[in-house]
């Protein structure tokens, strides 16, 4: 069942979300949109603050962000010139039938009510159009401290059961393809803590729970030999992209 409280918790931290959350590697987005020309119209569904939107624009495609949270829309509008995010959700988009060549979803597909969302995405896509959810997943194999960070910061949503989440997108879509890409970001210790403050578990925790997470993370930064005294910290990700065509 979708936890709507957590799913809609991000707007309160929209500015920090935009500052600290990782972007997506261009090669991953290009793979998701393979075969589309520059005139293609791409919907960034659950666009948040526009992190994925800006990558799509850099590649050269037209992009229309759709986002349910007013705080996230306001942040997107202020940081992404010449674009205005439309209010809407995966289950109800304010778009005409067959009006999109592709629908992308960055870091949000696991929040969707799958059956109505699949039907709505299929409605908006033209025949042969692409649907591609994308995740940045922390690569906890890269460093021992990352696994400890997941535990002490309660980052249980790092790796949703993707095989279950994307077993298929319903009868309107063809077979699902998958690709993975290596992704790295550099953060200062303060930026790492800021990034954790944009996670849904931290945002919906009590003040006591938030303080405990912060204390434990600061302790990890001070004592772990790979982190202590470092001015920057490398975060390793696997960017996982699923792609299917509208029948």
C-alpha atoms as a PDB file:
ATOM      1  CA  UNK A   1       0.000   0.000   0.000  1.00  0.00           C
ATOM      2  CA  UNK A   2       1.266   3.487  -0.850  1.00  0.00           C
ATOM      3  CA  UNK A   3       2.176   5.595   2.200  1.00  0.00           C
ATOM      4  CA  UNK A   4       0.760   8.950   1.082  1.00  0.00           C
ATOM      5  CA  UNK A   5       2.073  10.782   4.157  1.00  0.00           C
ATOM      6  CA  UNK A   6       5.631   9.861   3.228  1.00  0.00           C
ATOM      7  CA  UNK A   7       5.027  10.281  -0.498  1.00  0.00           C
ATOM      8  CA  UNK A   8       3.900  13.898  -0.016  1.00  0.00           C
ATOM      9  CA  UNK A   9       6.415  14.790   2.703  1.00  0.00           C
ATOM     10  CA  UNK A  10       9.080  16.251   0.426  1.00  0.00           C
ATOM     11  CA  UNK A  11       7.584  19.676  -0.260  1.00  0.00           C
ATOM     12  CA  UNK A  12       8.595  20.949   3.171  1.00  0.00           C
ATOM     13  CA  UNK A  13      12.231  20.352   2.202  1.00  0.00           C
ATOM     14  CA  UNK A  14      11.993  21.334  -1.470  1.00  0.00           C
ATOM     15  CA  UNK A  15      14.935  23.733  -1.455  1.00  0.00           C
ATOM     16  CA  UNK A  16      17.275  21.258   0.231  1.00  0.00           C
ATOM     17  CA  UNK A  17      15.942  18.449  -1.960  1.00  0.00           C
ATOM     18  CA  UNK A  18      16.987  20.387  -5.039  1.00  0.00           C
ATOM     19  CA  UNK A  19      20.402  21.252  -3.563  1.00  0.00           C
ATOM     20  CA  UNK A  20      21.436  17.893  -2.176  1.00  0.00           C
ATOM     21  CA  UNK A  21      19.720  15.085  -4.087  1.00  0.00           C
ATOM     22  CA  UNK A  22      21.844  13.554  -6.875  1.00  0.00           C
ATOM     23  CA  UNK A  23      21.115  14.251 -10.506  1.00  0.00           C
ATOM     24  CA  UNK A  24      20.983  11.500 -13.144  1.00  0.00           C
ATOM     25  CA  UNK A  25      23.784  10.612 -15.575  1.00  0.00           C
ATOM     26  CA  UNK A  26      23.038  11.789 -19.103  1.00  0.00           C
ATOM     27  CA  UNK A  27      23.902   8.378 -20.545  1.00  0.00           C
ATOM     28  CA  UNK A  28      21.143   6.790 -18.456  1.00  0.00           C
ATOM     29  CA  UNK A  29      18.547   9.301 -19.627  1.00  0.00           C
ATOM     30  CA  UNK A  30      19.714   8.959 -23.232  1.00  0.00           C
ATOM     31  CA  UNK A  31      19.242   5.187 -22.972  1.00  0.00           C
ATOM     32  CA  UNK A  32      15.736   5.695 -21.576  1.00  0.00           C
ATOM     33  CA  UNK A  33      14.878   7.961 -24.525  1.00  0.00           C
ATOM     34  CA  UNK A  34      16.723   6.019 -27.220  1.00  0.00           C
ATOM     35  CA  UNK A  35      15.157   6.404 -30.652  1.00  0.00           C
ATOM     36  CA  UNK A  36      13.451   9.733 -29.974  1.00  0.00           C
ATOM     37  CA  UNK A  37      14.402  12.790 -32.021  1.00  0.00           C
ATOM     38  CA  UNK A  38      14.873  16.331 -30.737  1.00  0.00           C
ATOM     39  CA  UNK A  39      11.229  17.221 -31.301  1.00  0.00           C
ATOM     40  CA  UNK A  40      10.048  14.489 -28.923  1.00  0.00           C
ATOM     41  CA  UNK A  41       7.769  15.598 -26.112  1.00  0.00           C
ATOM     42  CA  UNK A  42       8.824  14.092 -22.771  1.00  0.00           C
ATOM     43  CA  UNK A  43       6.731  14.135 -19.606  1.00  0.00           C
ATOM     44  CA  UNK A  44       8.675  14.143 -16.331  1.00  0.00           C
ATOM     45  CA  UNK A  45       6.070  12.551 -14.083  1.00  0.00           C
ATOM     46  CA  UNK A  46       6.366  13.194 -10.330  1.00  0.00           C
ATOM     47  CA  UNK A  47       9.012  15.699 -11.379  1.00  0.00           C
ATOM     48  CA  UNK A  48       9.766  16.951  -7.879  1.00  0.00           C
ATOM     49  CA  UNK A  49      12.052  19.981  -8.051  1.00  0.00           C
ATOM     50  CA  UNK A  50      13.057  19.323 -11.659  1.00  0.00           C
ATOM     51  CA  UNK A  51      16.306  17.402 -11.208  1.00  0.00           C
ATOM     52  CA  UNK A  52      15.460  14.963 -14.007  1.00  0.00           C
ATOM     53  CA  UNK A  53      13.675  17.670 -15.998  1.00  0.00           C
ATOM     54  CA  UNK A  54      16.924  19.609 -16.321  1.00  0.00           C
ATOM     55  CA  UNK A  55      18.820  16.581 -17.619  1.00  0.00           C
ATOM     56  CA  UNK A  56      16.158  15.993 -20.292  1.00  0.00           C
ATOM     57  CA  UNK A  57      16.447  19.651 -21.331  1.00  0.00           C
ATOM     58  CA  UNK A  58      20.241  19.395 -21.489  1.00  0.00           C
ATOM     59  CA  UNK A  59      19.899  16.474 -23.901  1.00  0.00           C
ATOM     60  CA  UNK A  60      17.702  18.679 -26.068  1.00  0.00           C
ATOM     61  CA  UNK A  61      14.164  17.342 -25.709  1.00  0.00           C
ATOM     62  CA  UNK A  62      11.000  19.256 -24.895  1.00  0.00           C
ATOM     63  CA  UNK A  63       9.919  18.398 -21.367  1.00  0.00           C
ATOM     64  CA  UNK A  64       6.697  18.888 -19.444  1.00  0.00           C
ATOM     65  CA  UNK A  65       7.004  18.392 -15.668  1.00  0.00           C
ATOM     66  CA  UNK A  66       3.972  17.098 -13.749  1.00  0.00           C
ATOM     67  CA  UNK A  67       4.103  17.088  -9.943  1.00  0.00           C
ATOM     68  CA  UNK A  68       1.437  16.728  -7.197  1.00  0.00           C
ATOM     69  CA  UNK A  69       3.217  18.609  -4.377  1.00  0.00           C
ATOM     70  CA  UNK A  70       2.815  22.417  -4.542  1.00  0.00           C
ATOM     71  CA  UNK A  71       6.053  23.026  -2.630  1.00  0.00           C
ATOM     72  CA  UNK A  72       8.037  20.926  -5.085  1.00  0.00           C
ATOM     73  CA  UNK A  73       6.348  22.638  -8.054  1.00  0.00           C
ATOM     74  CA  UNK A  74       7.226  26.051  -6.684  1.00  0.00           C
ATOM     75  CA  UNK A  75      10.876  25.047  -6.316  1.00  0.00           C
ATOM     76  CA  UNK A  76      10.956  23.659  -9.856  1.00  0.00           C
ATOM     77  CA  UNK A  77       9.424  26.831 -11.258  1.00  0.00           C
ATOM     78  CA  UNK A  78      11.988  29.014  -9.463  1.00  0.00           C
ATOM     79  CA  UNK A  79      15.078  27.049 -10.510  1.00  0.00           C
ATOM     80  CA  UNK A  80      14.181  25.842 -14.001  1.00  0.00           C
ATOM     81  CA  UNK A  81      13.808  28.821 -16.363  1.00  0.00           C
ATOM     82  CA  UNK A  82      10.938  29.021 -18.838  1.00  0.00           C
ATOM     83  CA  UNK A  83       9.117  25.989 -17.425  1.00  0.00           C
ATOM     84  CA  UNK A  84       6.033  25.763 -15.262  1.00  0.00           C
ATOM     85  CA  UNK A  85       5.222  22.448 -13.625  1.00  0.00           C
ATOM     86  CA  UNK A  86       1.642  21.272 -13.958  1.00  0.00           C
ATOM     87  CA  UNK A  87      -0.301  19.956 -10.980  1.00  0.00           C
ATOM     88  CA  UNK A  88      -1.067  16.290 -11.441  1.00  0.00           C
ATOM     89  CA  UNK A  89      -0.265  12.768 -10.331  1.00  0.00           C
ATOM     90  CA  UNK A  90       0.586   9.447 -11.913  1.00  0.00           C
ATOM     91  CA  UNK A  91      -3.052   8.467 -11.588  1.00  0.00           C
ATOM     92  CA  UNK A  92      -4.399  11.739 -13.062  1.00  0.00           C
ATOM     93  CA  UNK A  93      -2.384  13.873 -15.481  1.00  0.00           C
ATOM     94  CA  UNK A  94      -3.754  17.102 -17.004  1.00  0.00           C
ATOM     95  CA  UNK A  95      -2.665  16.041 -20.504  1.00  0.00           C
ATOM     96  CA  UNK A  96      -4.502  14.999 -23.696  1.00  0.00           C
ATOM     97  CA  UNK A  97      -4.615  11.422 -24.949  1.00  0.00           C
ATOM     98  CA  UNK A  98      -1.565  10.379 -26.954  1.00  0.00           C
ATOM     99  CA  UNK A  99       0.185  13.704 -26.399  1.00  0.00           C
ATOM    100  CA  UNK A 100       3.574  12.420 -25.155  1.00  0.00           C
ATOM    101  CA  UNK A 101       6.394  10.555 -26.859  1.00  0.00           C
ATOM    102  CA  UNK A 102       7.863   9.468 -23.527  1.00  0.00           C
ATOM    103  CA  UNK A 103       7.057   9.485 -19.820  1.00  0.00           C
ATOM    104  CA  UNK A 104       9.982   9.403 -17.408  1.00  0.00           C
ATOM    105  CA  UNK A 105       9.819   8.967 -13.639  1.00  0.00           C
ATOM    106  CA  UNK A 106      12.807   9.773 -11.457  1.00  0.00           C
ATOM    107  CA  UNK A 107      12.920   8.184  -8.008  1.00  0.00           C
ATOM    108  CA  UNK A 108       9.133   8.043  -7.603  1.00  0.00           C
ATOM    109  CA  UNK A 109       7.580   5.055  -9.366  1.00  0.00           C
ATOM    110  CA  UNK A 110       7.433   3.025  -6.136  1.00  0.00           C
ATOM    111  CA  UNK A 111       4.998   5.630  -4.740  1.00  0.00           C
ATOM    112  CA  UNK A 112       2.442   5.044  -7.519  1.00  0.00           C
ATOM    113  CA  UNK A 113      -0.856   3.193  -7.277  1.00  0.00           C
ATOM    114  CA  UNK A 114       0.264   0.876 -10.035  1.00  0.00           C
ATOM    115  CA  UNK A 115      -2.883  -0.235 -11.900  1.00  0.00           C
ATOM    116  CA  UNK A 116      -4.479   3.215 -12.383  1.00  0.00           C
ATOM    117  CA  UNK A 117      -1.053   4.783 -12.959  1.00  0.00           C
ATOM    118  CA  UNK A 118      -0.234   2.336 -15.757  1.00  0.00           C
ATOM    119  CA  UNK A 119      -3.576   3.043 -17.408  1.00  0.00           C
ATOM    120  CA  UNK A 120      -3.070   6.818 -17.143  1.00  0.00           C
ATOM    121  CA  UNK A 121       0.489   6.697 -18.485  1.00  0.00           C
ATOM    122  CA  UNK A 122      -0.705   4.553 -21.406  1.00  0.00           C
ATOM    123  CA  UNK A 123      -3.477   7.077 -22.107  1.00  0.00           C
ATOM    124  CA  UNK A 124      -1.028   9.978 -22.310  1.00  0.00           C
ATOM    125  CA  UNK A 125       1.548   8.141 -24.462  1.00  0.00           C
ATOM    126  CA  UNK A 126       1.286   7.785 -28.208  1.00  0.00           C
ATOM    127  CA  UNK A 127       1.492   4.297 -29.698  1.00  0.00           C
ATOM    128  CA  UNK A 128       5.136   3.234 -29.606  1.00  0.00           C
ATOM    129  CA  UNK A 129       5.966   5.810 -26.934  1.00  0.00           C
ATOM    130  CA  UNK A 130       8.360   5.062 -24.090  1.00  0.00           C
ATOM    131  CA  UNK A 131       7.733   4.674 -20.374  1.00  0.00           C
ATOM    132  CA  UNK A 132      10.888   4.633 -18.229  1.00  0.00           C
ATOM    133  CA  UNK A 133      11.177   4.802 -14.440  1.00  0.00           C
ATOM    134  CA  UNK A 134      14.684   5.585 -13.162  1.00  0.00           C
ATOM    135  CA  UNK A 135      16.306   5.174  -9.748  1.00  0.00           C
ATOM    136  CA  UNK A 136      19.572   6.327  -8.233  1.00  0.00           C
ATOM    137  CA  UNK A 137      20.348   3.553  -5.738  1.00  0.00           C
ATOM    138  CA  UNK A 138      23.192   3.907  -3.282  1.00  0.00           C
ATOM    139  CA  UNK A 139      25.777   1.240  -4.042  1.00  0.00           C
ATOM    140  CA  UNK A 140      26.404  -0.116  -0.575  1.00  0.00           C
ATOM    141  CA  UNK A 141      28.968  -2.560  -1.995  1.00  0.00           C
ATOM    142  CA  UNK A 142      31.298   0.366  -2.714  1.00  0.00           C
ATOM    143  CA  UNK A 143      32.186   1.211   0.898  1.00  0.00           C
ATOM    144  CA  UNK A 144      31.476  -0.285   4.326  1.00  0.00           C
ATOM    145  CA  UNK A 145      30.361   3.079   5.736  1.00  0.00           C
ATOM    146  CA  UNK A 146      27.500   3.313   3.233  1.00  0.00           C
ATOM    147  CA  UNK A 147      25.870   0.188   4.644  1.00  0.00           C
ATOM    148  CA  UNK A 148      26.248   1.601   8.153  1.00  0.00           C
ATOM    149  CA  UNK A 149      24.761   4.907   6.990  1.00  0.00           C
ATOM    150  CA  UNK A 150      21.704   3.053   5.677  1.00  0.00           C
ATOM    151  CA  UNK A 151      21.223   1.394   9.057  1.00  0.00           C
ATOM    152  CA  UNK A 152      21.656   4.393  11.331  1.00  0.00           C
ATOM    153  CA  UNK A 153      19.743   6.837   9.101  1.00  0.00           C
ATOM    154  CA  UNK A 154      16.878   4.381   8.527  1.00  0.00           C
ATOM    155  CA  UNK A 155      17.258   4.559   4.740  1.00  0.00           C
ATOM    156  CA  UNK A 156      15.059   1.558   4.089  1.00  0.00           C
ATOM    157  CA  UNK A 157      13.839   2.930   0.767  1.00  0.00           C
ATOM    158  CA  UNK A 158      17.302   2.905  -0.828  1.00  0.00           C
ATOM    159  CA  UNK A 159      16.569  -0.173  -2.915  1.00  0.00           C
ATOM    160  CA  UNK A 160      12.896  -0.983  -3.265  1.00  0.00           C
ATOM    161  CA  UNK A 161      12.307  -4.483  -4.563  1.00  0.00           C
ATOM    162  CA  UNK A 162      12.726  -3.401  -8.156  1.00  0.00           C
ATOM    163  CA  UNK A 163      12.092  -6.840  -9.623  1.00  0.00           C
ATOM    164  CA  UNK A 164       8.690  -6.820  -7.961  1.00  0.00           C
ATOM    165  CA  UNK A 165       8.032  -3.136  -8.644  1.00  0.00           C
ATOM    166  CA  UNK A 166       8.696  -3.385 -12.377  1.00  0.00           C
ATOM    167  CA  UNK A 167       7.673  -6.916 -13.254  1.00  0.00           C
ATOM    168  CA  UNK A 168       5.528  -5.293 -15.944  1.00  0.00           C
ATOM    169  CA  UNK A 169       3.572  -2.152 -16.682  1.00  0.00           C
ATOM    170  CA  UNK A 170       0.263  -3.706 -17.628  1.00  0.00           C
ATOM    171  CA  UNK A 171      -1.283  -4.941 -20.875  1.00  0.00           C
ATOM    172  CA  UNK A 172      -0.797  -1.649 -22.750  1.00  0.00           C
ATOM    173  CA  UNK A 173       2.994  -2.053 -22.625  1.00  0.00           C
ATOM    174  CA  UNK A 174       5.450  -4.411 -24.219  1.00  0.00           C
ATOM    175  CA  UNK A 175       8.358  -6.231 -22.537  1.00  0.00           C
ATOM    176  CA  UNK A 176      10.447  -4.373 -19.971  1.00  0.00           C
ATOM    177  CA  UNK A 177      14.142  -3.754 -20.690  1.00  0.00           C
ATOM    178  CA  UNK A 178      16.651  -2.762 -18.008  1.00  0.00           C
ATOM    179  CA  UNK A 179      20.059  -1.097 -17.934  1.00  0.00           C
ATOM    180  CA  UNK A 180      22.397   0.028 -15.150  1.00  0.00           C
ATOM    181  CA  UNK A 181      24.890   2.884 -15.065  1.00  0.00           C
ATOM    182  CA  UNK A 182      27.638   3.817 -12.619  1.00  0.00           C
ATOM    183  CA  UNK A 183      27.094   7.192 -10.972  1.00  0.00           C
ATOM    184  CA  UNK A 184      29.204   9.139  -8.454  1.00  0.00           C
ATOM    185  CA  UNK A 185      28.611  12.366  -6.570  1.00  0.00           C
ATOM    186  CA  UNK A 186      30.804  14.362  -4.183  1.00  0.00           C
ATOM    187  CA  UNK A 187      29.364  15.852  -1.007  1.00  0.00           C
ATOM    188  CA  UNK A 188      30.818  17.707   1.933  1.00  0.00           C
ATOM    189  CA  UNK A 189      29.894  16.275   5.358  1.00  0.00           C
ATOM    190  CA  UNK A 190      27.362  19.101   5.787  1.00  0.00           C
ATOM    191  CA  UNK A 191      25.861  18.328   2.384  1.00  0.00           C
ATOM    192  CA  UNK A 192      25.594  14.643   3.283  1.00  0.00           C
ATOM    193  CA  UNK A 193      23.612  15.572   6.384  1.00  0.00           C
ATOM    194  CA  UNK A 194      21.509  17.956   4.298  1.00  0.00           C
ATOM    195  CA  UNK A 195      20.757  15.180   1.824  1.00  0.00           C
ATOM    196  CA  UNK A 196      19.597  12.912   4.654  1.00  0.00           C
ATOM    197  CA  UNK A 197      17.243  15.681   5.780  1.00  0.00           C
ATOM    198  CA  UNK A 198      15.390  15.293   2.469  1.00  0.00           C
ATOM    199  CA  UNK A 199      14.600  11.619   3.019  1.00  0.00           C
ATOM    200  CA  UNK A 200      10.985  10.701   3.722  1.00  0.00           C
ATOM    201  CA  UNK A 201      11.817   8.772   6.910  1.00  0.00           C
ATOM    202  CA  UNK A 202      13.620  11.783   8.391  1.00  0.00           C
ATOM    203  CA  UNK A 203      10.932  14.225   7.262  1.00  0.00           C
ATOM    204  CA  UNK A 204       8.133  12.213   8.880  1.00  0.00           C
ATOM    205  CA  UNK A 205      10.057  11.309  12.062  1.00  0.00           C
ATOM    206  CA  UNK A 206       9.516  12.935  15.444  1.00  0.00           C
ATOM    207  CA  UNK A 207      11.914  15.658  16.572  1.00  0.00           C
ATOM    208  CA  UNK A 208      13.505  13.109  18.884  1.00  0.00           C
ATOM    209  CA  UNK A 209      13.898  10.635  16.033  1.00  0.00           C
ATOM    210  CA  UNK A 210      15.445  13.292  13.793  1.00  0.00           C
ATOM    211  CA  UNK A 211      17.926  14.318  16.488  1.00  0.00           C
ATOM    212  CA  UNK A 212      18.950  10.701  17.058  1.00  0.00           C
ATOM    213  CA  UNK A 213      19.626  10.174  13.354  1.00  0.00           C
ATOM    214  CA  UNK A 214      21.711  13.356  13.212  1.00  0.00           C
ATOM    215  CA  UNK A 215      23.771  12.341  16.257  1.00  0.00           C
ATOM    216  CA  UNK A 216      24.463   8.901  14.821  1.00  0.00           C
ATOM    217  CA  UNK A 217      25.437  10.261  11.405  1.00  0.00           C
ATOM    218  CA  UNK A 218      27.781  12.863  12.927  1.00  0.00           C
ATOM    219  CA  UNK A 219      29.346  10.111  15.025  1.00  0.00           C
ATOM    220  CA  UNK A 220      29.871   7.989  11.905  1.00  0.00           C
ATOM    221  CA  UNK A 221      31.495  10.923  10.102  1.00  0.00           C
ATOM    222  CA  UNK A 222      33.845  11.478  13.044  1.00  0.00           C
ATOM    223  CA  UNK A 223      34.923   7.916  13.723  1.00  0.00           C
ATOM    224  CA  UNK A 224      34.930   5.950  10.458  1.00  0.00           C
ATOM    225  CA  UNK A 225      38.469   5.858   8.989  1.00  0.00           C
ATOM    226  CA  UNK A 226      37.187   6.492   5.454  1.00  0.00           C
ATOM    227  CA  UNK A 227      35.258   9.588   6.553  1.00  0.00           C
ATOM    228  CA  UNK A 228      37.020  11.240   9.494  1.00  0.00           C
ATOM    229  CA  UNK A 229      38.623  14.532   8.531  1.00  0.00           C
ATOM    230  CA  UNK A 230      37.515  14.359   4.913  1.00  0.00           C
ATOM    231  CA  UNK A 231      36.422  17.577   3.212  1.00  0.00           C
ATOM    232  CA  UNK A 232      34.454  15.686   0.559  1.00  0.00           C
ATOM    233  CA  UNK A 233      32.814  12.287   0.498  1.00  0.00           C
ATOM    234  CA  UNK A 234      32.129  10.228  -2.607  1.00  0.00           C
ATOM    235  CA  UNK A 235      28.663   8.691  -2.807  1.00  0.00           C
ATOM    236  CA  UNK A 236      28.482   5.720  -5.134  1.00  0.00           C
ATOM    237  CA  UNK A 237      25.228   4.961  -6.930  1.00  0.00           C
ATOM    238  CA  UNK A 238      23.853   2.521  -9.445  1.00  0.00           C
ATOM    239  CA  UNK A 239      21.435   4.297 -11.733  1.00  0.00           C
ATOM    240  CA  UNK A 240      18.873   1.690 -12.782  1.00  0.00           C
ATOM    241  CA  UNK A 241      16.596   2.387 -15.753  1.00  0.00           C
ATOM    242  CA  UNK A 242      13.596   0.326 -16.838  1.00  0.00           C
ATOM    243  CA  UNK A 243      12.058   0.931 -20.251  1.00  0.00           C
ATOM    244  CA  UNK A 244       8.990  -0.343 -22.083  1.00  0.00           C
ATOM    245  CA  UNK A 245       7.110   0.720 -25.230  1.00  0.00           C
ATOM    246  CA  UNK A 246       3.424   1.556 -25.454  1.00  0.00           C
ATOM    247  CA  UNK A 247       1.723  -1.021 -27.672  1.00  0.00           C
END
